Every structure is written in structure tokens, then in C-alpha cells.
């Protein structure tokens, strides 16, 4: 077996301590699509916020109980912006009995309390671990999780083949890795998860916590109940390094296989389906715009950028400073810019070096709409 993970690295990324103790209510440590679109703008249809568009989409898809107002749980509420949009939409349609937010972060809960203090009906805040949903929630009709499940525990460096070697006499670090890899492979075997080709990756990652979460959804939701999950998705889970912690994309091929084996009816789609069908936009952040500009100036395919960077008469730092000023004085992590607007900023700064192909962050946000069949068995392993 080829060793794929350094023995000093923990094979399981666990962000719970970070969220309990270190998470700050600034959203400067990550790029959240819902946070970028928390105010009305050209990126969301009808001048809605992200949360309002999501609320209307839930109604349009008829995901809530038809015979009564729903008890809705949001897992991981951020700063409360999603709830601030969703709650009035559902309540205004007479489809909401109660709305609660489950969160692990005391600081985020404080921000949610402030943001939602005037919301009606009042939003109930619950402290708890979403990976242990069964211990926290007793009654809920619908669960909403927006850009959260990528924070749950993920096992990485999993070898593509596994024969379950014995643990006796194995050094402690090796034993820890083998225990986690055995756990990952138990999920592969239980759900028939795909393993990437060796040419694609020498090892792979399993979104253990996200799988535990959807298993818990199967147990917690009543027959006919549903859930709506939004996350950055890739074919197989991939790491994303952020200040203070690491997140993972959701391996879509694994997730839909688990949903299918559990018995959920589900639909997957692009977040653009409910934000603004057919609309594209560019996300700007200080870390990534620098990398993108650097990639342009060294690209042999972009003579304009190359000439600008190598012309001694051009003050490159001054032009980047001009770009910053054109964008409001700060290349903030919470700035969303349409391609045509970004192009005008580049022209103003004298940096006409093309546009990012899709978006600078290269993240693909997907939604997964789940429904538990009315006649479903409640056993998670059915």
C-alpha cells in the first residue's frame, strides 16, 4: 500500500473546536455565497437577497408540508442573513409555524440574535453539533443547511485499496491513520461509493461528517419531510484551505449515492437555478485577485498583461492601487462584482488583461433537495 498522508498530519479534519472557540462573526475567514449576496443586487432575480430567493424557491418547488405550517430547522446560520430572508417569505405565505437555527459557534449565535431580533415569528436559537443531530432535535418537518456541510469532519489521504491490516504492534500515528481509513472504507463498502481512478488521485477523501448528517436526517425527518442542502461541490471531495481551518468541497458522487441508498428522493442543481437563472458573476477577494492577476502577467497567451508588467514606464503597484480605489478602496472578501462591472474597473486602472473565465474562486455551488418518502422506514441503513 502506498503511503499518501504524512504521519504528522491528522487524517481527519475536525473543525468543531475552531467553531466553538475561534470562529469570529466577520466572515473574513471564508467566502460565503450567501454572505456576498446578503443585500439586494443585480445577481439575484427580482432584487431579492440570497435568503429571499431561497425562500421563494422552497415555495416554488413545494418542498414544505402541504397540510400544515412547517417547523423548519436551519443548520449553521452564519450571521443570520439567510434566515432574515427566508423567514418573512415562508411566514408571509402562511407556510411557517416555527424557525430555529442550530449552531456550534457562540459568536455566530450572538450575531444571529442581533440580526434576527425583530423577525416574526421569532427565531429560536439552539446550541449544538449538527453531526449529532439525533441528540439535539426531536421534531422538525424541514431542514435547511446552507454552505455548512463542507465544514463537517472529512477523512483524507484514504488509500485507493484497503485490505484492513491488523493494528497490533503498529506505531500510534500509523494506528490512528489506519483506524480512520478503515472507517472511510466501511462507508465506501456500505454505500458502494466510487473510488477515483489512480490517474486522477493517488488517494481520496470521504465527507464522513456530511454522511453522518444525512444519515441523521433520515432518522429525524418524519415521512414526507424534506431538506435542502447548499454547498461547494466537486465530483470527489477536495480540500480548501482557509484562515484558521480547512474545509472540503462535497463529493457529489458520494453524496448522491448515500442519499439513494438511504432511500431519499432527491434533486440536484446549480444555485443559479434559484438566484438568477442564466446569470453569471465574478467573486472578488484580495487573496484570489492577486493570484489571478499574477497568472495573467506570466501567461504567454496574454501579451497585453506581459507587456504591462515588463514595461519599465508602467507603475504596476500604482495600477493595482487604482483598481482597489475603483472598487471602493478595499478588495474585500465580501465583494461580488459582475463581469461587465469588473471589466470597467480594469479599464479604469489601465489593467485590461481579460476577465476570469467563470469566477476567481473557481467554486461550484450546488443544491441538493431531499424528500423522505411518505412510507419510508426510519432505519438509517435500510
Protein backbone atom coordinates (compact mmCIF):
# COMPACT_ATOMS: atom_id res chain seq x y z
CA UNK A 1 0.00 0.00 0.00
CA UNK A 2 1.36 3.42 -0.99
CA UNK A 3 1.51 5.90 1.89
CA UNK A 4 -0.32 9.08 0.87
CA UNK A 5 -0.60 11.15 4.04
CA UNK A 6 2.31 12.39 6.21
CA UNK A 7 2.30 10.68 9.57
CA UNK A 8 2.37 14.05 11.35
CA UNK A 9 -0.91 15.09 9.67
CA UNK A 10 -4.27 14.17 11.17
CA UNK A 11 -6.15 12.14 8.57
CA UNK A 12 -9.45 13.57 9.82
CA UNK A 13 -10.16 17.31 9.58
CA UNK A 14 -12.35 18.34 12.54
CA UNK A 15 -13.44 21.99 12.70
CA UNK A 16 -15.67 21.78 15.77
CA UNK A 17 -13.11 23.24 18.17
CA UNK A 18 -12.48 26.11 15.72
CA UNK A 19 -16.18 26.94 15.55
CA UNK A 20 -16.67 26.69 19.30
CA UNK A 21 -13.68 28.82 20.28
CA UNK A 22 -12.13 30.71 17.36
CA UNK A 23 -14.86 31.46 14.82
CA UNK A 24 -15.46 35.21 14.52
CA UNK A 25 -18.58 36.95 13.21
CA UNK A 26 -16.74 38.84 10.47
CA UNK A 27 -16.91 36.33 7.60
CA UNK A 28 -13.35 37.38 6.70
CA UNK A 29 -12.05 33.83 7.12
CA UNK A 30 -14.09 32.38 4.27
CA UNK A 31 -16.07 33.26 1.18
CA UNK A 32 -19.77 32.53 1.61
CA UNK A 33 -22.01 32.99 -1.40
CA UNK A 34 -25.00 33.85 0.79
CA UNK A 35 -22.93 36.48 2.60
CA UNK A 36 -21.80 38.01 -0.69
CA UNK A 37 -25.44 38.29 -1.77
CA UNK A 38 -26.97 39.30 1.56
CA UNK A 39 -28.11 42.62 0.09
CA UNK A 40 -30.33 43.19 -2.97
CA UNK A 41 -28.29 43.47 -6.15
CA UNK A 42 -28.12 42.54 -9.82
CA UNK A 43 -27.07 38.95 -9.14
CA UNK A 44 -30.41 37.79 -7.69
CA UNK A 45 -33.72 37.95 -9.53
CA UNK A 46 -36.39 40.48 -8.62
CA UNK A 47 -33.99 42.49 -6.49
CA UNK A 48 -34.16 39.84 -3.76
CA UNK A 49 -31.45 38.92 -1.31
CA UNK A 50 -29.98 35.41 -1.36
CA UNK A 51 -32.23 34.38 1.54
CA UNK A 52 -35.37 35.77 -0.09
CA UNK A 53 -34.61 33.98 -3.36
CA UNK A 54 -34.05 30.74 -1.45
CA UNK A 55 -37.34 31.13 0.43
CA UNK A 56 -39.26 31.67 -2.80
CA UNK A 57 -37.54 28.66 -4.38
CA UNK A 58 -38.61 26.43 -1.49
CA UNK A 59 -42.20 27.54 -2.09
CA UNK A 60 -41.97 27.16 -5.87
CA UNK A 61 -40.65 23.62 -5.52
CA UNK A 62 -43.40 22.83 -2.98
CA UNK A 63 -40.92 21.34 -0.52
CA UNK A 64 -42.80 22.13 2.70
CA UNK A 65 -45.73 20.15 4.15
CA UNK A 66 -48.95 20.88 2.28
CA UNK A 67 -51.30 20.16 5.19
CA UNK A 68 -49.82 22.43 7.87
CA UNK A 69 -47.30 25.22 8.53
CA UNK A 70 -43.82 23.74 8.85
CA UNK A 71 -41.32 23.51 11.67
CA UNK A 72 -38.05 24.47 9.94
CA UNK A 73 -34.52 24.00 11.26
CA UNK A 74 -31.55 25.80 9.72
CA UNK A 75 -28.24 24.07 10.47
CA UNK A 76 -25.43 26.59 10.75
CA UNK A 77 -26.93 30.07 10.50
CA UNK A 78 -23.88 32.21 9.72
CA UNK A 79 -24.67 35.82 10.63
CA UNK A 80 -28.41 35.23 10.27
CA UNK A 81 -28.68 36.66 6.75
CA UNK A 82 -30.25 33.56 5.21
CA UNK A 83 -32.90 33.34 7.93
CA UNK A 84 -33.59 37.07 7.62
CA UNK A 85 -34.64 36.43 4.02
CA UNK A 86 -36.27 33.00 4.30
CA UNK A 87 -38.46 33.56 7.37
CA UNK A 88 -40.56 36.51 6.07
CA UNK A 89 -41.12 34.73 2.74
CA UNK A 90 -42.33 31.48 4.30
CA UNK A 91 -44.31 33.23 7.03
CA UNK A 92 -45.92 35.58 4.50
CA UNK A 93 -47.16 32.56 2.56
CA UNK A 94 -48.61 31.00 5.72
CA UNK A 95 -46.20 28.05 5.49
CA UNK A 96 -44.11 28.58 8.64
CA UNK A 97 -45.00 27.51 12.18
CA UNK A 98 -41.55 27.77 13.75
CA UNK A 99 -37.98 28.52 12.62
CA UNK A 100 -34.91 27.50 14.61
CA UNK A 101 -31.16 27.74 13.97
CA UNK A 102 -28.75 25.09 15.24
CA UNK A 103 -25.19 26.38 15.60
CA UNK A 104 -21.96 25.40 17.31
CA UNK A 105 -20.44 28.90 17.45
CA UNK A 106 -21.31 31.19 20.40
CA UNK A 107 -20.09 34.24 18.49
CA UNK A 108 -22.20 33.48 15.44
CA UNK A 109 -25.22 32.88 17.66
CA UNK A 110 -24.70 36.30 19.18
CA UNK A 111 -24.67 37.81 15.68
CA UNK A 112 -27.79 35.84 14.75
CA UNK A 113 -29.60 37.07 17.85
CA UNK A 114 -28.84 40.68 16.93
CA UNK A 115 -29.65 40.25 13.24
CA UNK A 116 -32.96 38.47 13.81
CA UNK A 117 -34.31 40.22 16.92
CA UNK A 118 -37.22 41.79 15.01
CA UNK A 119 -38.03 38.78 12.82
CA UNK A 120 -41.53 37.37 13.10
CA UNK A 121 -42.20 34.70 14.01
CA UNK A 122 -39.26 34.85 16.45
CA UNK A 123 -36.30 32.65 15.50
CA UNK A 124 -35.27 30.16 18.17
CA UNK A 125 -31.51 29.64 18.60
CA UNK A 126 -30.26 26.19 19.58
CA UNK A 127 -26.66 25.35 20.58
CA UNK A 128 -25.47 22.01 19.32
CA UNK A 129 -23.44 19.84 16.97
CA UNK A 130 -25.07 19.15 13.60
CA UNK A 131 -23.17 15.87 13.32
CA UNK A 132 -25.10 14.76 16.41
CA UNK A 133 -28.46 15.92 15.13
CA UNK A 134 -30.32 12.98 16.66
CA UNK A 135 -29.38 14.15 20.18
CA UNK A 136 -30.46 17.75 19.61
CA UNK A 137 -33.64 17.77 17.53
CA UNK A 138 -36.82 15.89 18.33
CA UNK A 139 -39.40 17.42 15.98
CA UNK A 140 -38.82 19.06 12.61
CA UNK A 141 -40.51 18.99 9.22
CA UNK A 142 -37.80 20.54 7.10
CA UNK A 143 -34.04 21.09 7.47
CA UNK A 144 -32.09 23.80 5.66
CA UNK A 145 -28.29 23.73 5.52
CA UNK A 146 -26.60 26.48 3.53
CA UNK A 147 -22.84 26.23 2.87
CA UNK A 148 -22.23 24.28 6.07
CA UNK A 149 -21.71 20.57 5.42
CA UNK A 150 -18.25 21.20 3.93
CA UNK A 151 -17.20 22.16 7.48
CA UNK A 152 -18.07 18.73 8.85
CA UNK A 153 -15.42 16.08 9.51
CA UNK A 154 -13.67 14.70 6.44
CA UNK A 155 -11.19 11.83 6.24
CA UNK A 156 -8.42 12.48 3.72
CA UNK A 157 -5.50 10.56 2.26
CA UNK A 158 -7.63 7.42 2.06
CA UNK A 159 -5.76 4.78 0.01
CA UNK A 160 -7.50 3.60 -3.15
CA UNK A 161 -7.29 0.00 -1.98
CA UNK A 162 -7.74 -1.32 1.53
CA UNK A 163 -7.16 -4.76 2.99
CA UNK A 164 -7.62 -3.86 6.66
CA UNK A 165 -4.20 -4.78 8.11
CA UNK A 166 -4.05 -5.66 11.82
CA UNK A 167 -3.31 -2.91 14.34
CA UNK A 168 -1.13 -4.87 16.77
CA UNK A 169 2.40 -3.52 17.08
CA UNK A 170 1.67 -0.54 14.81
CA UNK A 171 3.08 2.86 15.96
CA UNK A 172 0.38 5.17 17.42
CA UNK A 173 0.36 7.58 14.45
CA UNK A 174 0.08 4.72 11.98
CA UNK A 175 -2.68 3.13 14.03
CA UNK A 176 -4.67 6.37 14.06
CA UNK A 177 -4.43 6.67 10.29
CA UNK A 178 -5.46 3.05 9.82
CA UNK A 179 -8.48 3.47 12.10
CA UNK A 180 -9.73 6.47 10.13
CA UNK A 181 -9.01 4.83 6.79
CA UNK A 182 -10.85 1.70 7.94
CA UNK A 183 -13.79 3.91 8.88
CA UNK A 184 -13.72 5.60 5.46
CA UNK A 185 -13.60 2.25 3.72
CA UNK A 186 -16.52 0.98 5.81
CA UNK A 187 -18.56 3.83 4.29
CA UNK A 188 -17.27 3.00 0.81
CA UNK A 189 -18.38 -0.60 1.26
CA UNK A 190 -21.70 0.22 2.96
CA UNK A 191 -22.88 2.66 0.32
CA UNK A 192 -20.96 1.44 -2.72
CA UNK A 193 -19.09 4.73 -3.05
CA UNK A 194 -16.96 5.39 -6.11
CA UNK A 195 -13.18 5.45 -5.82
CA UNK A 196 -11.36 7.83 -8.19
CA UNK A 197 -9.09 6.43 -10.86
CA UNK A 198 -5.43 6.27 -9.89
CA UNK A 199 -4.60 8.70 -12.69
CA UNK A 200 -6.92 11.25 -11.06
CA UNK A 201 -5.67 10.89 -7.48
CA UNK A 202 -3.38 8.50 -5.57
CA UNK A 203 -5.77 8.77 -2.61
CA UNK A 204 -9.17 10.29 -1.91
CA UNK A 205 -11.29 11.96 0.78
CA UNK A 206 -14.60 10.93 2.31
CA UNK A 207 -17.01 13.52 3.77
CA UNK A 208 -17.59 11.46 6.89
CA UNK A 209 -19.44 14.17 8.82
CA UNK A 210 -21.69 15.05 5.89
CA UNK A 211 -22.61 11.38 5.52
CA UNK A 212 -23.37 11.17 9.25
CA UNK A 213 -25.51 14.27 8.86
CA UNK A 214 -27.69 12.89 6.06
CA UNK A 215 -27.98 9.60 7.97
CA UNK A 216 -29.29 11.65 10.90
CA UNK A 217 -31.69 13.48 8.59
CA UNK A 218 -33.16 10.15 7.58
CA UNK A 219 -33.82 9.33 11.23
CA UNK A 220 -35.01 12.78 12.35
CA UNK A 221 -37.30 13.73 9.48
CA UNK A 222 -40.85 12.38 9.51
CA UNK A 223 -42.17 10.50 6.46
CA UNK A 224 -42.76 13.16 3.83
CA UNK A 225 -40.26 15.53 5.48
CA UNK A 226 -37.53 17.21 3.49
CA UNK A 227 -34.22 19.05 3.49
CA UNK A 228 -32.37 21.50 1.27
CA UNK A 229 -28.56 21.49 1.26
CA UNK A 230 -26.29 24.01 -0.48
CA UNK A 231 -22.53 23.57 -0.74
CA UNK A 232 -19.48 23.91 -2.94
CA UNK A 233 -19.44 20.59 -4.81
CA UNK A 234 -16.93 18.64 -6.87
CA UNK A 235 -17.04 15.09 -8.20
CA UNK A 236 -14.88 13.93 -5.27
CA UNK A 237 -14.19 15.87 -2.05
CA UNK A 238 -11.30 18.33 -2.27
CA UNK A 239 -9.64 20.44 0.46
CA UNK A 240 -9.99 24.20 0.66
CA UNK A 241 -7.51 25.98 2.90
CA UNK A 242 -8.97 28.95 4.81
CA UNK A 243 -7.57 31.15 7.59
CA UNK A 244 -7.56 29.10 10.78
CA UNK A 245 -9.15 25.99 9.35
CA UNK A 246 -9.62 23.69 6.38
CA UNK A 247 -12.91 22.92 4.69
CA UNK A 248 -13.76 20.43 1.97
CA UNK A 249 -15.95 20.54 -1.05
CA UNK A 250 -18.70 17.96 -1.02
CA UNK A 251 -18.00 14.93 -3.16
CA UNK A 252 -21.22 14.93 -5.18
CA UNK A 253 -20.76 11.40 -6.48
CA UNK A 254 -20.53 10.12 -2.90
CA UNK A 255 -23.37 12.25 -1.54
CA UNK A 256 -25.96 11.27 -4.14
CA UNK A 257 -25.03 7.59 -3.73
CA UNK A 258 -25.64 7.84 0.03
CA UNK A 259 -28.95 9.66 -0.50
CA UNK A 260 -30.05 6.98 -2.94
CA UNK A 261 -29.06 4.08 -0.66
CA UNK A 262 -30.80 5.66 2.34
CA UNK A 263 -33.99 5.98 0.35
CA UNK A 264 -34.28 9.74 -0.13
CA UNK A 265 -35.88 11.17 -3.20
CA UNK A 266 -33.56 13.95 -4.29
CA UNK A 267 -32.89 16.55 -6.93
CA UNK A 268 -29.55 18.28 -7.52
CA UNK A 269 -28.97 21.53 -9.36
CA UNK A 270 -26.93 24.70 -9.60
CA UNK A 271 -27.56 27.51 -7.12
CA UNK A 272 -28.11 29.78 -10.14
CA UNK A 273 -31.44 27.96 -10.57
CA UNK A 274 -32.91 29.94 -7.70
CA UNK A 275 -30.67 33.02 -7.67
CA UNK A 276 -30.87 34.23 -11.23
CA UNK A 277 -31.14 31.57 -13.96
CA UNK A 278 -28.66 32.26 -16.73
CA UNK A 279 -26.83 34.97 -14.78
CA UNK A 280 -23.09 34.68 -14.14
CA UNK A 281 -20.99 36.79 -11.83
CA UNK A 282 -17.45 37.11 -10.57
CA UNK A 283 -16.43 36.88 -6.93
CA UNK A 284 -13.53 39.11 -5.95
CA UNK A 285 -11.36 38.51 -2.89
CA UNK A 286 -7.98 40.04 -2.01
CA UNK A 287 -6.21 36.68 -1.92
CA UNK A 288 -7.51 35.43 -5.23
CA UNK A 289 -7.43 38.58 -7.31
CA UNK A 290 -3.69 38.84 -6.71
CA UNK A 291 -3.20 35.25 -7.84
CA UNK A 292 -5.36 35.81 -10.90
CA UNK A 293 -3.52 38.98 -11.94
CA UNK A 294 -0.20 37.18 -11.41
CA UNK A 295 -1.38 34.32 -13.62
CA UNK A 296 -2.21 36.80 -16.37
CA UNK A 297 1.14 38.58 -16.37
CA UNK A 298 3.10 35.35 -16.75
CA UNK A 299 0.77 33.83 -19.33
CA UNK A 300 2.32 33.63 -22.83
CA UNK A 301 -1.23 33.88 -24.18
CA UNK A 302 -1.78 37.34 -22.73
CA UNK A 303 0.67 39.72 -24.40
CA UNK A 304 -1.15 42.76 -23.01
CA UNK A 305 -0.57 41.70 -19.40
CA UNK A 306 3.01 40.64 -20.15
CA UNK A 307 3.83 43.98 -21.76
CA UNK A 308 2.24 45.95 -18.91
CA UNK A 309 4.17 44.05 -16.28
CA UNK A 310 7.52 44.31 -18.08
CA UNK A 311 7.25 47.90 -19.29
CA UNK A 312 9.57 49.97 -17.01
CA UNK A 313 7.38 53.00 -17.68
CA UNK A 314 4.35 51.30 -16.14
CA UNK A 315 3.90 51.59 -12.39
CA UNK A 316 2.24 48.23 -11.77
CA UNK A 317 1.67 48.69 -8.00
CA UNK A 318 0.05 52.06 -8.70
CA UNK A 319 -2.33 50.47 -11.17
CA UNK A 320 -3.31 47.77 -8.69
CA UNK A 321 -3.86 50.54 -6.13
CA UNK A 322 -6.06 52.29 -8.71
CA UNK A 323 -8.06 49.08 -9.12
CA UNK A 324 -8.51 48.92 -5.36
CA UNK A 325 -9.73 52.52 -5.32
CA UNK A 326 -12.14 51.88 -8.20
CA UNK A 327 -13.65 49.04 -6.20
CA UNK A 328 -14.34 51.24 -3.21
CA UNK A 329 -10.95 51.40 -1.52
CA UNK A 330 -10.71 47.78 -0.46
CA UNK A 331 -10.51 44.48 -2.33
CA UNK A 332 -12.79 42.98 0.27
CA UNK A 333 -13.58 39.33 0.68
CA UNK A 334 -17.30 40.19 0.72
CA UNK A 335 -17.37 42.00 -2.62
CA UNK A 336 -19.32 40.47 -5.51
CA UNK A 337 -18.78 42.05 -8.91
CA UNK A 338 -20.50 41.39 -12.25
CA UNK A 339 -18.15 40.67 -15.17
CA UNK A 340 -19.03 43.86 -17.04
CA UNK A 341 -18.52 45.94 -13.89
CA UNK A 342 -15.18 44.28 -13.18
CA UNK A 343 -14.13 44.98 -16.77
CA UNK A 344 -14.85 48.68 -16.23
CA UNK A 345 -12.71 48.63 -13.05
CA UNK A 346 -9.83 47.07 -15.01
CA UNK A 347 -10.14 49.73 -17.71
CA UNK A 348 -10.12 52.49 -15.10
CA UNK A 349 -6.91 51.09 -13.62
CA UNK A 350 -5.30 50.52 -17.02
CA UNK A 351 -5.29 46.77 -16.41
CA UNK A 352 -7.23 45.49 -19.41
CA UNK A 353 -5.89 41.97 -19.12
CA UNK A 354 -9.02 39.96 -19.73
CA UNK A 355 -11.59 38.52 -17.36
CA UNK A 356 -11.72 35.37 -15.26
CA UNK A 357 -13.38 32.59 -17.22
CA UNK A 358 -16.06 31.87 -14.63
CA UNK A 359 -15.15 33.21 -11.23
CA UNK A 360 -11.86 33.84 -9.50
CA UNK A 361 -12.54 31.39 -6.71
CA UNK A 362 -13.41 28.57 -9.10
CA UNK A 363 -16.06 27.19 -6.76
CA UNK A 364 -19.18 25.43 -7.98
CA UNK A 365 -22.16 25.87 -5.67
CA UNK A 366 -24.82 23.17 -5.92
CA UNK A 367 -28.06 22.44 -4.13
CA UNK A 368 -29.47 19.07 -3.09
CA UNK A 369 -33.20 18.92 -2.44
CA UNK A 370 -34.14 15.86 -0.35
CA UNK A 371 -37.50 14.30 0.47
CA UNK A 372 -38.15 11.31 2.67
CA UNK A 373 -40.86 9.11 1.16
CA UNK A 374 -44.20 9.09 2.97
CA UNK A 375 -43.96 5.33 3.52
CA UNK A 376 -40.28 5.37 4.49
CA UNK A 377 -38.74 3.07 7.07
CA UNK A 378 -36.87 5.12 9.71
CA UNK A 379 -33.80 2.83 9.79
CA UNK A 380 -30.74 4.69 8.53
CA UNK A 381 -29.28 1.57 6.99
CA UNK A 382 -32.41 0.39 5.23
